[in-house]
């Protein structure tokens, strides 16, 4: 039987907590947009965000320029 061990960063690699907090905030925003029914909509223009854009970046809030 094999056991799963999560990948650990090398001891010398500091964990970037600011980056993790930004990522978590982006995920929370995406979940709030999903609950509100606006996940598939550009925040500024109101235009639909293409499925391909959201597949490439599920946290996208705008259509690419």
PDB file of N, CA and C in Angstrom:
ATOM      1  N   UNK A   1       0.849  -1.167   0.000  1.00  0.00           N
ATOM      2  CA  UNK A   1       0.000   0.000   0.000  1.00  0.00           C
ATOM      3  C   UNK A   1       0.901   1.238   0.000  1.00  0.00           C
ATOM      4  N   UNK A   2       0.619   2.191  -0.886  1.00  0.00           N
ATOM      5  CA  UNK A   2       1.437   3.398  -0.943  1.00  0.00           C
ATOM      6  C   UNK A   2       0.741   4.507  -0.164  1.00  0.00           C
ATOM      7  N   UNK A   3       1.540   5.408   0.335  1.00  0.00           N
ATOM      8  CA  UNK A   3       0.965   6.544   1.055  1.00  0.00           C
ATOM      9  C   UNK A   3       1.286   7.820   0.286  1.00  0.00           C
ATOM     10  N   UNK A   4       0.371   8.740   0.363  1.00  0.00           N
ATOM     11  CA  UNK A   4       0.546  10.025  -0.320  1.00  0.00           C
ATOM     12  C   UNK A   4       1.219  10.992   0.631  1.00  0.00           C
ATOM     13  N   UNK A   5       2.298  11.587   0.151  1.00  0.00           N
ATOM     14  CA  UNK A   5       2.961  12.609   0.931  1.00  0.00           C
ATOM     15  C   UNK A   5       2.994  13.873   0.092  1.00  0.00           C
ATOM     16  N   UNK A   6       2.393  14.970   0.596  1.00  0.00           N
ATOM     17  CA  UNK A   6       2.403  16.210  -0.183  1.00  0.00           C
ATOM     18  C   UNK A   6       3.824  16.690  -0.413  1.00  0.00           C
ATOM     19  N   UNK A   7       4.004  17.311  -1.561  1.00  0.00           N
ATOM     20  CA  UNK A   7       5.317  17.841  -1.899  1.00  0.00           C
ATOM     21  C   UNK A   7       5.652  18.986  -0.958  1.00  0.00           C
ATOM     22  N   UNK A   8       6.811  18.919  -0.378  1.00  0.00           N
ATOM     23  CA  UNK A   8       7.257  19.952   0.548  1.00  0.00           C
ATOM     24  C   UNK A   8       8.335  20.803  -0.118  1.00  0.00           C
ATOM     25  N   UNK A   9       8.299  22.119   0.075  1.00  0.00           N
ATOM     26  CA  UNK A   9       9.363  22.943  -0.495  1.00  0.00           C
ATOM     27  C   UNK A   9      10.671  22.659   0.241  1.00  0.00           C
ATOM     28  N   UNK A  10      11.794  22.840  -0.437  1.00  0.00           N
ATOM     29  CA  UNK A  10      13.074  22.662   0.247  1.00  0.00           C
ATOM     30  C   UNK A  10      13.141  23.585   1.457  1.00  0.00           C
ATOM     31  N   UNK A  11      13.852  23.156   2.477  1.00  0.00           N
ATOM     32  CA  UNK A  11      13.930  23.912   3.728  1.00  0.00           C
ATOM     33  C   UNK A  11      14.426  25.338   3.507  1.00  0.00           C
ATOM     34  N   UNK A  12      15.214  25.558   2.482  1.00  0.00           N
ATOM     35  CA  UNK A  12      15.776  26.891   2.255  1.00  0.00           C
ATOM     36  C   UNK A  12      14.818  27.816   1.499  1.00  0.00           C
ATOM     37  N   UNK A  13      13.687  27.293   1.009  1.00  0.00           N
ATOM     38  CA  UNK A  13      12.738  28.102   0.251  1.00  0.00           C
ATOM     39  C   UNK A  13      11.714  28.718   1.195  1.00  0.00           C
ATOM     40  N   UNK A  14      11.719  30.054   1.313  1.00  0.00           N
ATOM     41  CA  UNK A  14      10.723  30.673   2.195  1.00  0.00           C
ATOM     42  C   UNK A  14       9.337  30.611   1.551  1.00  0.00           C
ATOM     43  N   UNK A  15       8.333  30.505   2.368  1.00  0.00           N
ATOM     44  CA  UNK A  15       6.952  30.489   1.884  1.00  0.00           C
ATOM     45  C   UNK A  15       6.493  31.932   1.756  1.00  0.00           C
ATOM     46  N   UNK A  16       5.969  32.279   0.595  1.00  0.00           N
ATOM     47  CA  UNK A  16       5.506  33.638   0.326  1.00  0.00           C
ATOM     48  C   UNK A  16       4.061  33.778   0.800  1.00  0.00           C
ATOM     49  N   UNK A  17       3.889  34.175   2.050  1.00  0.00           N
ATOM     50  CA  UNK A  17       2.554  34.274   2.627  1.00  0.00           C
ATOM     51  C   UNK A  17       1.715  35.347   1.949  1.00  0.00           C
ATOM     52  N   UNK A  18       2.336  36.429   1.510  1.00  0.00           N
ATOM     53  CA  UNK A  18       1.584  37.485   0.813  1.00  0.00           C
ATOM     54  C   UNK A  18       0.963  36.934  -0.468  1.00  0.00           C
ATOM     55  N   UNK A  19       1.731  36.144  -1.197  1.00  0.00           N
ATOM     56  CA  UNK A  19       1.232  35.550  -2.434  1.00  0.00           C
ATOM     57  C   UNK A  19       0.089  34.567  -2.141  1.00  0.00           C
ATOM     58  N   UNK A  20       0.240  33.781  -1.099  1.00  0.00           N
ATOM     59  CA  UNK A  20      -0.813  32.841  -0.724  1.00  0.00           C
ATOM     60  C   UNK A  20      -2.084  33.584  -0.321  1.00  0.00           C
ATOM     61  N   UNK A  21      -1.951  34.690   0.389  1.00  0.00           N
ATOM     62  CA  UNK A  21      -3.125  35.478   0.788  1.00  0.00           C
ATOM     63  C   UNK A  21      -3.820  36.084  -0.429  1.00  0.00           C
ATOM     64  N   UNK A  22      -3.026  36.564  -1.411  1.00  0.00           N
ATOM     65  CA  UNK A  22      -3.619  37.101  -2.642  1.00  0.00           C
ATOM     66  C   UNK A  22      -4.357  36.006  -3.394  1.00  0.00           C
ATOM     67  N   UNK A  23      -3.749  34.827  -3.490  1.00  0.00           N
ATOM     68  CA  UNK A  23      -4.394  33.704  -4.173  1.00  0.00           C
ATOM     69  C   UNK A  23      -5.705  33.331  -3.480  1.00  0.00           C
ATOM     70  N   UNK A  24      -5.696  33.274  -2.163  1.00  0.00           N
ATOM     71  CA  UNK A  24      -6.903  32.943  -1.421  1.00  0.00           C
ATOM     72  C   UNK A  24      -7.977  34.005  -1.633  1.00  0.00           C
ATOM     73  N   UNK A  25      -7.584  35.274  -1.624  1.00  0.00           N
ATOM     74  CA  UNK A  25      -8.550  36.355  -1.860  1.00  0.00           C
ATOM     75  C   UNK A  25      -9.158  36.230  -3.257  1.00  0.00           C
ATOM     76  N   UNK A  26      -8.337  35.878  -4.252  1.00  0.00           N
ATOM     77  CA  UNK A  26      -8.843  35.702  -5.621  1.00  0.00           C
ATOM     78  C   UNK A  26      -9.838  34.539  -5.693  1.00  0.00           C
ATOM     79  N   UNK A  27      -9.544  33.462  -4.986  1.00  0.00           N
ATOM     80  CA  UNK A  27     -10.454  32.314  -4.974  1.00  0.00           C
ATOM     81  C   UNK A  27     -11.763  32.693  -4.279  1.00  0.00           C
ATOM     82  N   UNK A  28     -11.667  33.408  -3.168  1.00  0.00           N
ATOM     83  CA  UNK A  28     -12.882  33.834  -2.464  1.00  0.00           C
ATOM     84  C   UNK A  28     -13.723  34.762  -3.334  1.00  0.00           C
ATOM     85  N   UNK A  29     -13.066  35.645  -4.089  1.00  0.00           N
ATOM     86  CA  UNK A  29     -13.793  36.532  -5.001  1.00  0.00           C
ATOM     87  C   UNK A  29     -14.491  35.725  -6.082  1.00  0.00           C
ATOM     88  N   UNK A  30     -13.797  34.738  -6.649  1.00  0.00           N
ATOM     89  CA  UNK A  30     -14.401  33.897  -7.690  1.00  0.00           C
ATOM     90  C   UNK A  30     -15.604  33.140  -7.132  1.00  0.00           C
ATOM     91  N   UNK A  31     -15.495  32.629  -5.917  1.00  0.00           N
ATOM     92  CA  UNK A  31     -16.619  31.911  -5.318  1.00  0.00           C
ATOM     93  C   UNK A  31     -17.799  32.847  -5.055  1.00  0.00           C
ATOM     94  N   UNK A  32     -17.530  34.062  -4.620  1.00  0.00           N
ATOM     95  CA  UNK A  32     -18.600  35.040  -4.398  1.00  0.00           C
ATOM     96  C   UNK A  32     -19.272  35.395  -5.714  1.00  0.00           C
ATOM     97  N   UNK A  33     -18.475  35.541  -6.783  1.00  0.00           N
ATOM     98  CA  UNK A  33     -19.039  35.834  -8.106  1.00  0.00           C
ATOM     99  C   UNK A  33     -19.887  34.663  -8.590  1.00  0.00           C
ATOM    100  N   UNK A  34     -19.442  33.452  -8.307  1.00  0.00           N
ATOM    101  CA  UNK A  34     -20.219  32.263  -8.682  1.00  0.00           C
ATOM    102  C   UNK A  34     -21.564  32.257  -7.951  1.00  0.00           C
ATOM    103  N   UNK A  35     -21.536  32.518  -6.652  1.00  0.00           N
ATOM    104  CA  UNK A  35     -22.779  32.580  -5.866  1.00  0.00           C
ATOM    105  C   UNK A  35     -23.720  33.669  -6.366  1.00  0.00           C
ATOM    106  N   UNK A  36     -23.138  34.802  -6.802  1.00  0.00           N
ATOM    107  CA  UNK A  36     -23.948  35.935  -7.262  1.00  0.00           C
ATOM    108  C   UNK A  36     -24.426  35.765  -8.701  1.00  0.00           C
ATOM    109  N   UNK A  37     -23.892  34.754  -9.396  1.00  0.00           N
ATOM    110  CA  UNK A  37     -24.271  34.538 -10.790  1.00  0.00           C
ATOM    111  C   UNK A  37     -23.539  35.439 -11.768  1.00  0.00           C
ATOM    112  N   UNK A  38     -22.448  36.063 -11.326  1.00  0.00           N
ATOM    113  CA  UNK A  38     -21.696  36.977 -12.200  1.00  0.00           C
ATOM    114  C   UNK A  38     -20.327  36.423 -12.595  1.00  0.00           C
ATOM    115  N   UNK A  39     -20.072  35.164 -12.281  1.00  0.00           N
ATOM    116  CA  UNK A  39     -18.761  34.561 -12.550  1.00  0.00           C
ATOM    117  C   UNK A  39     -18.381  34.621 -14.024  1.00  0.00           C
ATOM    118  N   UNK A  40     -19.350  34.457 -14.912  1.00  0.00           N
ATOM    119  CA  UNK A  40     -19.079  34.381 -16.355  1.00  0.00           C
ATOM    120  C   UNK A  40     -19.140  35.750 -17.022  1.00  0.00           C
ATOM    121  N   UNK A  41     -19.165  36.827 -16.236  1.00  0.00           N
ATOM    122  CA  UNK A  41     -19.347  38.172 -16.768  1.00  0.00           C
ATOM    123  C   UNK A  41     -18.156  39.057 -16.441  1.00  0.00           C
ATOM    124  N   UNK A  42     -17.681  39.805 -17.448  1.00  0.00           N
ATOM    125  CA  UNK A  42     -16.595  40.773 -17.251  1.00  0.00           C
ATOM    126  C   UNK A  42     -17.047  41.811 -16.229  1.00  0.00           C
ATOM    127  N   UNK A  43     -16.236  42.043 -15.218  1.00  0.00           N
ATOM    128  CA  UNK A  43     -16.610  42.963 -14.144  1.00  0.00           C
ATOM    129  C   UNK A  43     -16.799  44.400 -14.607  1.00  0.00           C
ATOM    130  N   UNK A  44     -16.095  44.807 -15.640  1.00  0.00           N
ATOM    131  CA  UNK A  44     -16.165  46.197 -16.085  1.00  0.00           C
ATOM    132  C   UNK A  44     -17.181  46.388 -17.206  1.00  0.00           C
ATOM    133  N   UNK A  45     -17.120  45.537 -18.213  1.00  0.00           N
ATOM    134  CA  UNK A  45     -17.970  45.738 -19.392  1.00  0.00           C
ATOM    135  C   UNK A  45     -19.305  45.018 -19.310  1.00  0.00           C
ATOM    136  N   UNK A  46     -19.384  43.981 -18.492  1.00  0.00           N
ATOM    137  CA  UNK A  46     -20.603  43.186 -18.419  1.00  0.00           C
ATOM    138  C   UNK A  46     -20.719  42.164 -19.534  1.00  0.00           C
ATOM    139  N   UNK A  47     -19.720  42.115 -20.423  1.00  0.00           N
ATOM    140  CA  UNK A  47     -19.714  41.145 -21.521  1.00  0.00           C
ATOM    141  C   UNK A  47     -19.397  39.751 -20.973  1.00  0.00           C
ATOM    142  N   UNK A  48     -19.907  38.721 -21.618  1.00  0.00           N
ATOM    143  CA  UNK A  48     -19.589  37.363 -21.168  1.00  0.00           C
ATOM    144  C   UNK A  48     -18.087  37.079 -21.294  1.00  0.00           C
ATOM    145  N   UNK A  49     -17.560  36.334 -20.342  1.00  0.00           N
ATOM    146  CA  UNK A  49     -16.168  35.875 -20.416  1.00  0.00           C
ATOM    147  C   UNK A  49     -16.200  34.508 -21.083  1.00  0.00           C
ATOM    148  N   UNK A  50     -15.392  34.335 -22.116  1.00  0.00           N
ATOM    149  CA  UNK A  50     -15.362  33.087 -22.877  1.00  0.00           C
ATOM    150  C   UNK A  50     -14.963  31.914 -21.982  1.00  0.00           C
ATOM    151  N   UNK A  51     -15.575  30.760 -22.251  1.00  0.00           N
ATOM    152  CA  UNK A  51     -15.240  29.549 -21.498  1.00  0.00           C
ATOM    153  C   UNK A  51     -13.748  29.253 -21.562  1.00  0.00           C
ATOM    154  N   UNK A  52     -13.134  29.477 -22.723  1.00  0.00           N
ATOM    155  CA  UNK A  52     -11.704  29.198 -22.876  1.00  0.00           C
ATOM    156  C   UNK A  52     -10.870  30.069 -21.942  1.00  0.00           C
ATOM    157  N   UNK A  53     -11.301  31.307 -21.738  1.00  0.00           N
ATOM    158  CA  UNK A  53     -10.583  32.216 -20.827  1.00  0.00           C
ATOM    159  C   UNK A  53     -10.675  31.681 -19.405  1.00  0.00           C
ATOM    160  N   UNK A  54     -11.877  31.268 -18.990  1.00  0.00           N
ATOM    161  CA  UNK A  54     -12.057  30.764 -17.632  1.00  0.00           C
ATOM    162  C   UNK A  54     -11.401  29.398 -17.439  1.00  0.00           C
ATOM    163  N   UNK A  55     -11.315  28.607 -18.513  1.00  0.00           N
ATOM    164  CA  UNK A  55     -10.603  27.327 -18.399  1.00  0.00           C
ATOM    165  C   UNK A  55      -9.120  27.573 -18.197  1.00  0.00           C
ATOM    166  N   UNK A  56      -8.570  28.564 -18.876  1.00  0.00           N
ATOM    167  CA  UNK A  56      -7.152  28.882 -18.752  1.00  0.00           C
ATOM    168  C   UNK A  56      -6.854  29.545 -17.408  1.00  0.00           C
ATOM    169  N   UNK A  57      -7.812  30.362 -16.923  1.00  0.00           N
ATOM    170  CA  UNK A  57      -7.623  31.068 -15.658  1.00  0.00           C
ATOM    171  C   UNK A  57      -8.983  31.175 -14.954  1.00  0.00           C
ATOM    172  N   UNK A  58      -9.294  30.200 -14.090  1.00  0.00           N
ATOM    173  CA  UNK A  58     -10.597  30.202 -13.424  1.00  0.00           C
ATOM    174  C   UNK A  58     -10.839  31.426 -12.536  1.00  0.00           C
ATOM    175  N   UNK A  59      -9.794  32.183 -12.252  1.00  0.00           N
ATOM    176  CA  UNK A  59      -9.939  33.366 -11.404  1.00  0.00           C
ATOM    177  C   UNK A  59     -10.095  34.642 -12.217  1.00  0.00           C
ATOM    178  N   UNK A  60     -10.184  34.517 -13.541  1.00  0.00           N
ATOM    179  CA  UNK A  60     -10.303  35.694 -14.416  1.00  0.00           C
ATOM    180  C   UNK A  60     -11.558  36.476 -14.067  1.00  0.00           C
ATOM    181  N   UNK A  61     -11.410  37.797 -14.024  1.00  0.00           N
ATOM    182  CA  UNK A  61     -12.543  38.673 -13.728  1.00  0.00           C
ATOM    183  C   UNK A  61     -12.839  39.584 -14.909  1.00  0.00           C
ATOM    184  N   UNK A  62     -11.964  39.551 -15.919  1.00  0.00           N
ATOM    185  CA  UNK A  62     -12.107  40.400 -17.093  1.00  0.00           C
ATOM    186  C   UNK A  62     -11.761  39.596 -18.329  1.00  0.00           C
ATOM    187  N   UNK A  63     -12.293  40.022 -19.464  1.00  0.00           N
ATOM    188  CA  UNK A  63     -11.873  39.480 -20.748  1.00  0.00           C
ATOM    189  C   UNK A  63     -10.482  40.004 -21.057  1.00  0.00           C
ATOM    190  N   UNK A  64      -9.673  39.215 -21.755  1.00  0.00           N
ATOM    191  CA  UNK A  64      -8.357  39.718 -22.150  1.00  0.00           C
ATOM    192  C   UNK A  64      -8.503  40.953 -23.028  1.00  0.00           C
ATOM    193  N   UNK A  65      -7.582  41.871 -22.885  1.00  0.00           N
ATOM    194  CA  UNK A  65      -7.625  43.108 -23.684  1.00  0.00           C
ATOM    195  C   UNK A  65      -7.248  42.875 -25.123  1.00  0.00           C
TER     196      UNK A  65
END
